[in-house]
């Protein structure tokens, strides 16, 4: 669970930097250097996050609500952090976690 939380925070940081720093510089400043560097990093972190969601569903028996919510929230800046805070509630995780 700790690695999932760290991956979620890293994915959030990459999303925020891509959406609010790199992309405005590309489209408003005509400078795409940051998108070329941050974009692939963000993509790898997103894949890691989705993979950890899937792993939690398979191995830790997380319910489908947690997986679907996590997948949707991974598209929004700050979504993984919000989910991580909600994961402690019983509606997302089985009683054994």
N, C-alpha and C. Protein backbone atom coordinates (compact mmCIF):
# COMPACT_ATOMS: atom_id res chain seq x y z
N UNK A 1 0.83 -1.20 0.00
CA UNK A 1 0.00 0.00 0.00
C UNK A 1 0.88 1.26 0.00
N UNK A 2 2.00 1.19 0.68
CA UNK A 2 2.88 2.36 0.73
C UNK A 2 3.44 2.68 -0.65
N UNK A 3 3.85 1.66 -1.41
CA UNK A 3 4.37 1.88 -2.75
C UNK A 3 3.28 2.44 -3.66
N UNK A 4 2.05 1.99 -3.48
CA UNK A 4 0.92 2.53 -4.24
C UNK A 4 0.73 4.02 -3.93
N UNK A 5 0.84 4.40 -2.67
CA UNK A 5 0.71 5.80 -2.29
C UNK A 5 1.82 6.66 -2.89
N UNK A 6 3.04 6.16 -2.85
CA UNK A 6 4.17 6.89 -3.42
C UNK A 6 4.00 7.04 -4.93
N UNK A 7 3.58 5.97 -5.59
CA UNK A 7 3.36 6.02 -7.03
C UNK A 7 2.25 7.02 -7.37
N UNK A 8 1.21 7.06 -6.56
CA UNK A 8 0.12 8.03 -6.78
C UNK A 8 0.58 9.46 -6.62
N UNK A 9 1.42 9.72 -5.63
CA UNK A 9 1.94 11.07 -5.44
C UNK A 9 2.87 11.47 -6.59
N UNK A 10 3.71 10.54 -7.04
CA UNK A 10 4.60 10.83 -8.17
C UNK A 10 3.80 11.07 -9.44
N UNK A 11 2.77 10.26 -9.66
CA UNK A 11 1.93 10.43 -10.85
C UNK A 11 1.21 11.77 -10.80
N UNK A 12 0.76 12.19 -9.63
CA UNK A 12 0.10 13.48 -9.49
C UNK A 12 1.07 14.62 -9.80
N UNK A 13 2.29 14.52 -9.29
CA UNK A 13 3.29 15.56 -9.57
C UNK A 13 3.59 15.65 -11.06
N UNK A 14 3.69 14.50 -11.72
CA UNK A 14 3.97 14.52 -13.15
C UNK A 14 2.78 15.07 -13.94
N UNK A 15 1.57 14.76 -13.51
CA UNK A 15 0.38 15.28 -14.19
C UNK A 15 0.31 16.80 -14.06
N UNK A 16 0.52 17.29 -12.85
CA UNK A 16 0.46 18.73 -12.61
C UNK A 16 1.54 19.44 -13.42
N UNK A 17 2.76 18.91 -13.42
CA UNK A 17 3.84 19.56 -14.17
C UNK A 17 3.59 19.50 -15.67
N UNK A 18 3.00 18.41 -16.15
CA UNK A 18 2.70 18.31 -17.57
C UNK A 18 1.57 19.25 -17.97
N UNK A 19 0.46 19.21 -17.23
CA UNK A 19 -0.71 20.01 -17.59
C UNK A 19 -0.51 21.51 -17.38
N UNK A 20 0.18 21.89 -16.30
CA UNK A 20 0.22 23.30 -15.93
C UNK A 20 1.56 23.99 -16.18
N UNK A 21 2.59 23.25 -16.56
CA UNK A 21 3.88 23.87 -16.87
C UNK A 21 4.28 23.56 -18.31
N UNK A 22 4.42 22.28 -18.62
CA UNK A 22 4.97 21.89 -19.92
C UNK A 22 4.02 22.21 -21.08
N UNK A 23 2.75 21.86 -20.94
CA UNK A 23 1.82 22.10 -22.05
C UNK A 23 1.57 23.59 -22.31
N UNK A 24 1.40 24.42 -21.27
CA UNK A 24 1.29 25.85 -21.58
C UNK A 24 2.55 26.42 -22.26
N UNK A 25 3.72 25.94 -21.85
CA UNK A 25 4.93 26.41 -22.53
C UNK A 25 4.97 25.97 -23.98
N UNK A 26 4.44 24.78 -24.25
CA UNK A 26 4.42 24.29 -25.62
C UNK A 26 3.46 25.10 -26.48
N UNK A 27 2.25 25.30 -25.99
CA UNK A 27 1.23 25.92 -26.82
C UNK A 27 1.20 27.45 -26.75
N UNK A 28 1.63 28.01 -25.65
CA UNK A 28 1.65 29.47 -25.54
C UNK A 28 3.03 30.05 -25.80
N UNK A 29 4.06 29.30 -25.45
CA UNK A 29 5.42 29.80 -25.61
C UNK A 29 6.18 29.19 -26.76
N UNK A 30 5.55 28.28 -27.49
CA UNK A 30 6.16 27.62 -28.64
C UNK A 30 7.50 26.96 -28.27
N UNK A 31 7.52 26.32 -27.09
CA UNK A 31 8.72 25.63 -26.62
C UNK A 31 8.28 24.26 -26.10
N UNK A 32 8.60 23.22 -26.84
CA UNK A 32 8.10 21.90 -26.48
C UNK A 32 9.14 21.01 -25.80
N UNK A 33 10.22 21.57 -25.33
CA UNK A 33 11.29 20.76 -24.71
C UNK A 33 10.81 20.05 -23.44
N UNK A 34 10.02 20.74 -22.63
CA UNK A 34 9.55 20.10 -21.39
C UNK A 34 8.56 18.98 -21.67
N UNK A 35 7.73 19.14 -22.68
CA UNK A 35 6.78 18.08 -23.01
C UNK A 35 7.52 16.83 -23.47
N UNK A 36 8.61 17.01 -24.19
CA UNK A 36 9.40 15.87 -24.65
C UNK A 36 10.03 15.10 -23.49
N UNK A 37 10.31 15.78 -22.39
CA UNK A 37 10.92 15.12 -21.24
C UNK A 37 9.90 14.66 -20.21
N UNK A 38 8.95 15.50 -19.90
CA UNK A 38 7.97 15.18 -18.86
C UNK A 38 6.91 14.20 -19.37
N UNK A 39 6.55 14.29 -20.64
CA UNK A 39 5.52 13.43 -21.20
C UNK A 39 5.79 11.94 -21.02
N UNK A 40 6.97 11.45 -21.45
CA UNK A 40 7.26 10.02 -21.26
C UNK A 40 7.36 9.60 -19.79
N UNK A 41 7.88 10.49 -18.95
CA UNK A 41 7.96 10.18 -17.52
C UNK A 41 6.54 10.05 -16.95
N UNK A 42 5.69 10.98 -17.34
CA UNK A 42 4.29 10.92 -16.89
C UNK A 42 3.63 9.63 -17.39
N UNK A 43 3.87 9.27 -18.62
CA UNK A 43 3.29 8.04 -19.17
C UNK A 43 3.72 6.80 -18.41
N UNK A 44 4.99 6.71 -18.08
CA UNK A 44 5.48 5.56 -17.31
C UNK A 44 4.89 5.53 -15.90
N UNK A 45 4.82 6.69 -15.27
CA UNK A 45 4.23 6.74 -13.92
C UNK A 45 2.75 6.39 -13.94
N UNK A 46 2.05 6.82 -14.99
CA UNK A 46 0.63 6.48 -15.11
C UNK A 46 0.45 4.98 -15.29
N UNK A 47 1.28 4.37 -16.15
CA UNK A 47 1.20 2.93 -16.34
C UNK A 47 1.52 2.18 -15.05
N UNK A 48 2.50 2.66 -14.29
CA UNK A 48 2.84 2.05 -13.00
C UNK A 48 1.65 2.15 -12.05
N UNK A 49 1.01 3.31 -12.00
CA UNK A 49 -0.13 3.51 -11.12
C UNK A 49 -1.29 2.59 -11.49
N UNK A 50 -1.61 2.50 -12.77
CA UNK A 50 -2.68 1.61 -13.23
C UNK A 50 -2.31 0.15 -12.95
N UNK A 51 -1.05 -0.19 -13.16
CA UNK A 51 -0.60 -1.55 -12.85
C UNK A 51 -0.74 -1.88 -11.37
N UNK A 52 -0.42 -0.93 -10.51
CA UNK A 52 -0.57 -1.15 -9.07
C UNK A 52 -2.04 -1.23 -8.67
N UNK A 53 -2.89 -0.47 -9.34
CA UNK A 53 -4.33 -0.61 -9.10
C UNK A 53 -4.80 -2.03 -9.45
N UNK A 54 -4.35 -2.52 -10.59
CA UNK A 54 -4.72 -3.86 -11.02
C UNK A 54 -4.17 -4.91 -10.06
N UNK A 55 -2.94 -4.72 -9.62
CA UNK A 55 -2.33 -5.64 -8.67
C UNK A 55 -3.09 -5.66 -7.34
N UNK A 56 -3.51 -4.48 -6.89
CA UNK A 56 -4.31 -4.42 -5.67
C UNK A 56 -5.64 -5.14 -5.82
N UNK A 57 -6.23 -5.04 -6.99
CA UNK A 57 -7.50 -5.71 -7.25
C UNK A 57 -7.32 -7.23 -7.27
N UNK A 58 -6.24 -7.70 -7.89
CA UNK A 58 -6.02 -9.14 -8.01
C UNK A 58 -5.49 -9.74 -6.71
N UNK A 59 -4.43 -9.17 -6.17
CA UNK A 59 -3.77 -9.78 -5.01
C UNK A 59 -4.39 -9.37 -3.67
N UNK A 60 -4.75 -8.12 -3.54
CA UNK A 60 -5.24 -7.62 -2.25
C UNK A 60 -6.76 -7.65 -2.15
N UNK A 61 -7.43 -8.08 -3.23
CA UNK A 61 -8.89 -8.19 -3.26
C UNK A 61 -9.59 -6.86 -3.05
N UNK A 62 -9.00 -5.76 -3.63
CA UNK A 62 -9.69 -4.49 -3.59
C UNK A 62 -10.97 -4.64 -4.40
N UNK A 63 -12.01 -3.94 -4.00
CA UNK A 63 -13.26 -4.08 -4.74
C UNK A 63 -13.21 -3.28 -6.04
N UNK A 64 -14.11 -3.58 -6.93
CA UNK A 64 -14.13 -2.97 -8.26
C UNK A 64 -14.36 -1.47 -8.18
N UNK A 65 -15.07 -1.02 -7.16
CA UNK A 65 -15.30 0.41 -7.00
C UNK A 65 -13.99 1.17 -6.83
N UNK A 66 -13.06 0.61 -6.06
CA UNK A 66 -11.76 1.24 -5.87
C UNK A 66 -10.97 1.29 -7.17
N UNK A 67 -11.03 0.22 -7.94
CA UNK A 67 -10.27 0.16 -9.19
C UNK A 67 -10.84 1.13 -10.22
N UNK A 68 -12.15 1.16 -10.38
CA UNK A 68 -12.76 2.07 -11.36
C UNK A 68 -12.56 3.52 -10.93
N UNK A 69 -12.76 3.80 -9.65
CA UNK A 69 -12.56 5.16 -9.15
C UNK A 69 -11.11 5.58 -9.33
N UNK A 70 -10.18 4.68 -9.02
CA UNK A 70 -8.76 4.99 -9.19
C UNK A 70 -8.38 5.22 -10.63
N UNK A 71 -8.94 4.44 -11.53
CA UNK A 71 -8.67 4.64 -12.95
C UNK A 71 -9.19 5.97 -13.46
N UNK A 72 -10.39 6.34 -13.04
CA UNK A 72 -10.94 7.63 -13.44
C UNK A 72 -10.14 8.78 -12.83
N UNK A 73 -9.84 8.67 -11.54
CA UNK A 73 -9.13 9.75 -10.86
C UNK A 73 -7.68 9.90 -11.33
N UNK A 74 -7.13 8.86 -11.95
CA UNK A 74 -5.76 8.97 -12.44
C UNK A 74 -5.66 9.96 -13.60
N UNK A 75 -6.78 10.31 -14.20
CA UNK A 75 -6.80 11.26 -15.31
C UNK A 75 -6.85 12.71 -14.83
N UNK A 76 -7.16 12.92 -13.56
CA UNK A 76 -7.31 14.27 -13.02
C UNK A 76 -6.10 14.64 -12.16
N UNK A 77 -5.63 15.88 -12.26
CA UNK A 77 -4.55 16.30 -11.36
C UNK A 77 -5.00 16.22 -9.91
N UNK A 78 -4.25 15.52 -9.09
CA UNK A 78 -4.59 15.36 -7.68
C UNK A 78 -5.51 14.20 -7.39
N UNK A 79 -5.99 13.54 -8.41
CA UNK A 79 -6.91 12.42 -8.22
C UNK A 79 -6.33 11.26 -7.44
N UNK A 80 -5.11 10.81 -7.76
CA UNK A 80 -4.54 9.71 -6.97
C UNK A 80 -4.35 10.05 -5.49
N UNK A 81 -4.04 11.29 -5.19
CA UNK A 81 -3.88 11.68 -3.78
C UNK A 81 -5.24 11.64 -3.09
N UNK A 82 -6.28 12.11 -3.77
CA UNK A 82 -7.62 12.05 -3.19
C UNK A 82 -8.01 10.61 -2.93
N UNK A 83 -7.75 9.72 -3.90
CA UNK A 83 -8.10 8.30 -3.74
C UNK A 83 -7.32 7.68 -2.58
N UNK A 84 -6.05 8.00 -2.48
CA UNK A 84 -5.23 7.44 -1.41
C UNK A 84 -5.80 7.79 -0.04
N UNK A 85 -6.31 8.97 0.10
CA UNK A 85 -6.92 9.37 1.37
C UNK A 85 -8.25 8.64 1.61
N UNK A 86 -8.97 8.32 0.55
CA UNK A 86 -10.24 7.62 0.67
C UNK A 86 -10.07 6.11 0.83
N UNK A 87 -8.92 5.57 0.47
CA UNK A 87 -8.71 4.12 0.50
C UNK A 87 -8.80 3.56 1.92
N UNK A 88 -8.66 4.38 2.90
CA UNK A 88 -8.74 3.90 4.28
C UNK A 88 -10.16 3.59 4.71
N UNK A 89 -11.15 4.03 3.93
CA UNK A 89 -12.54 3.77 4.26
C UNK A 89 -12.95 2.37 3.81
N UNK A 90 -13.84 1.78 4.52
CA UNK A 90 -14.24 0.40 4.26
C UNK A 90 -14.96 0.22 2.92
N UNK A 91 -15.48 1.28 2.33
CA UNK A 91 -16.20 1.13 1.08
C UNK A 91 -15.27 0.79 -0.09
N UNK A 92 -13.98 1.02 0.07
CA UNK A 92 -13.03 0.76 -1.01
C UNK A 92 -12.21 -0.51 -0.80
N UNK A 93 -11.91 -0.85 0.42
CA UNK A 93 -11.03 -1.98 0.70
C UNK A 93 -11.76 -3.04 1.52
N UNK A 94 -11.35 -4.29 1.36
CA UNK A 94 -11.96 -5.34 2.20
C UNK A 94 -11.54 -5.17 3.64
N UNK A 95 -12.26 -5.83 4.53
CA UNK A 95 -12.01 -5.69 5.97
C UNK A 95 -10.65 -6.21 6.39
N UNK A 96 -10.06 -7.11 5.63
CA UNK A 96 -8.80 -7.74 6.03
C UNK A 96 -7.58 -6.85 5.81
N UNK A 97 -7.74 -5.71 5.09
CA UNK A 97 -6.58 -4.86 4.78
C UNK A 97 -6.33 -3.92 5.91
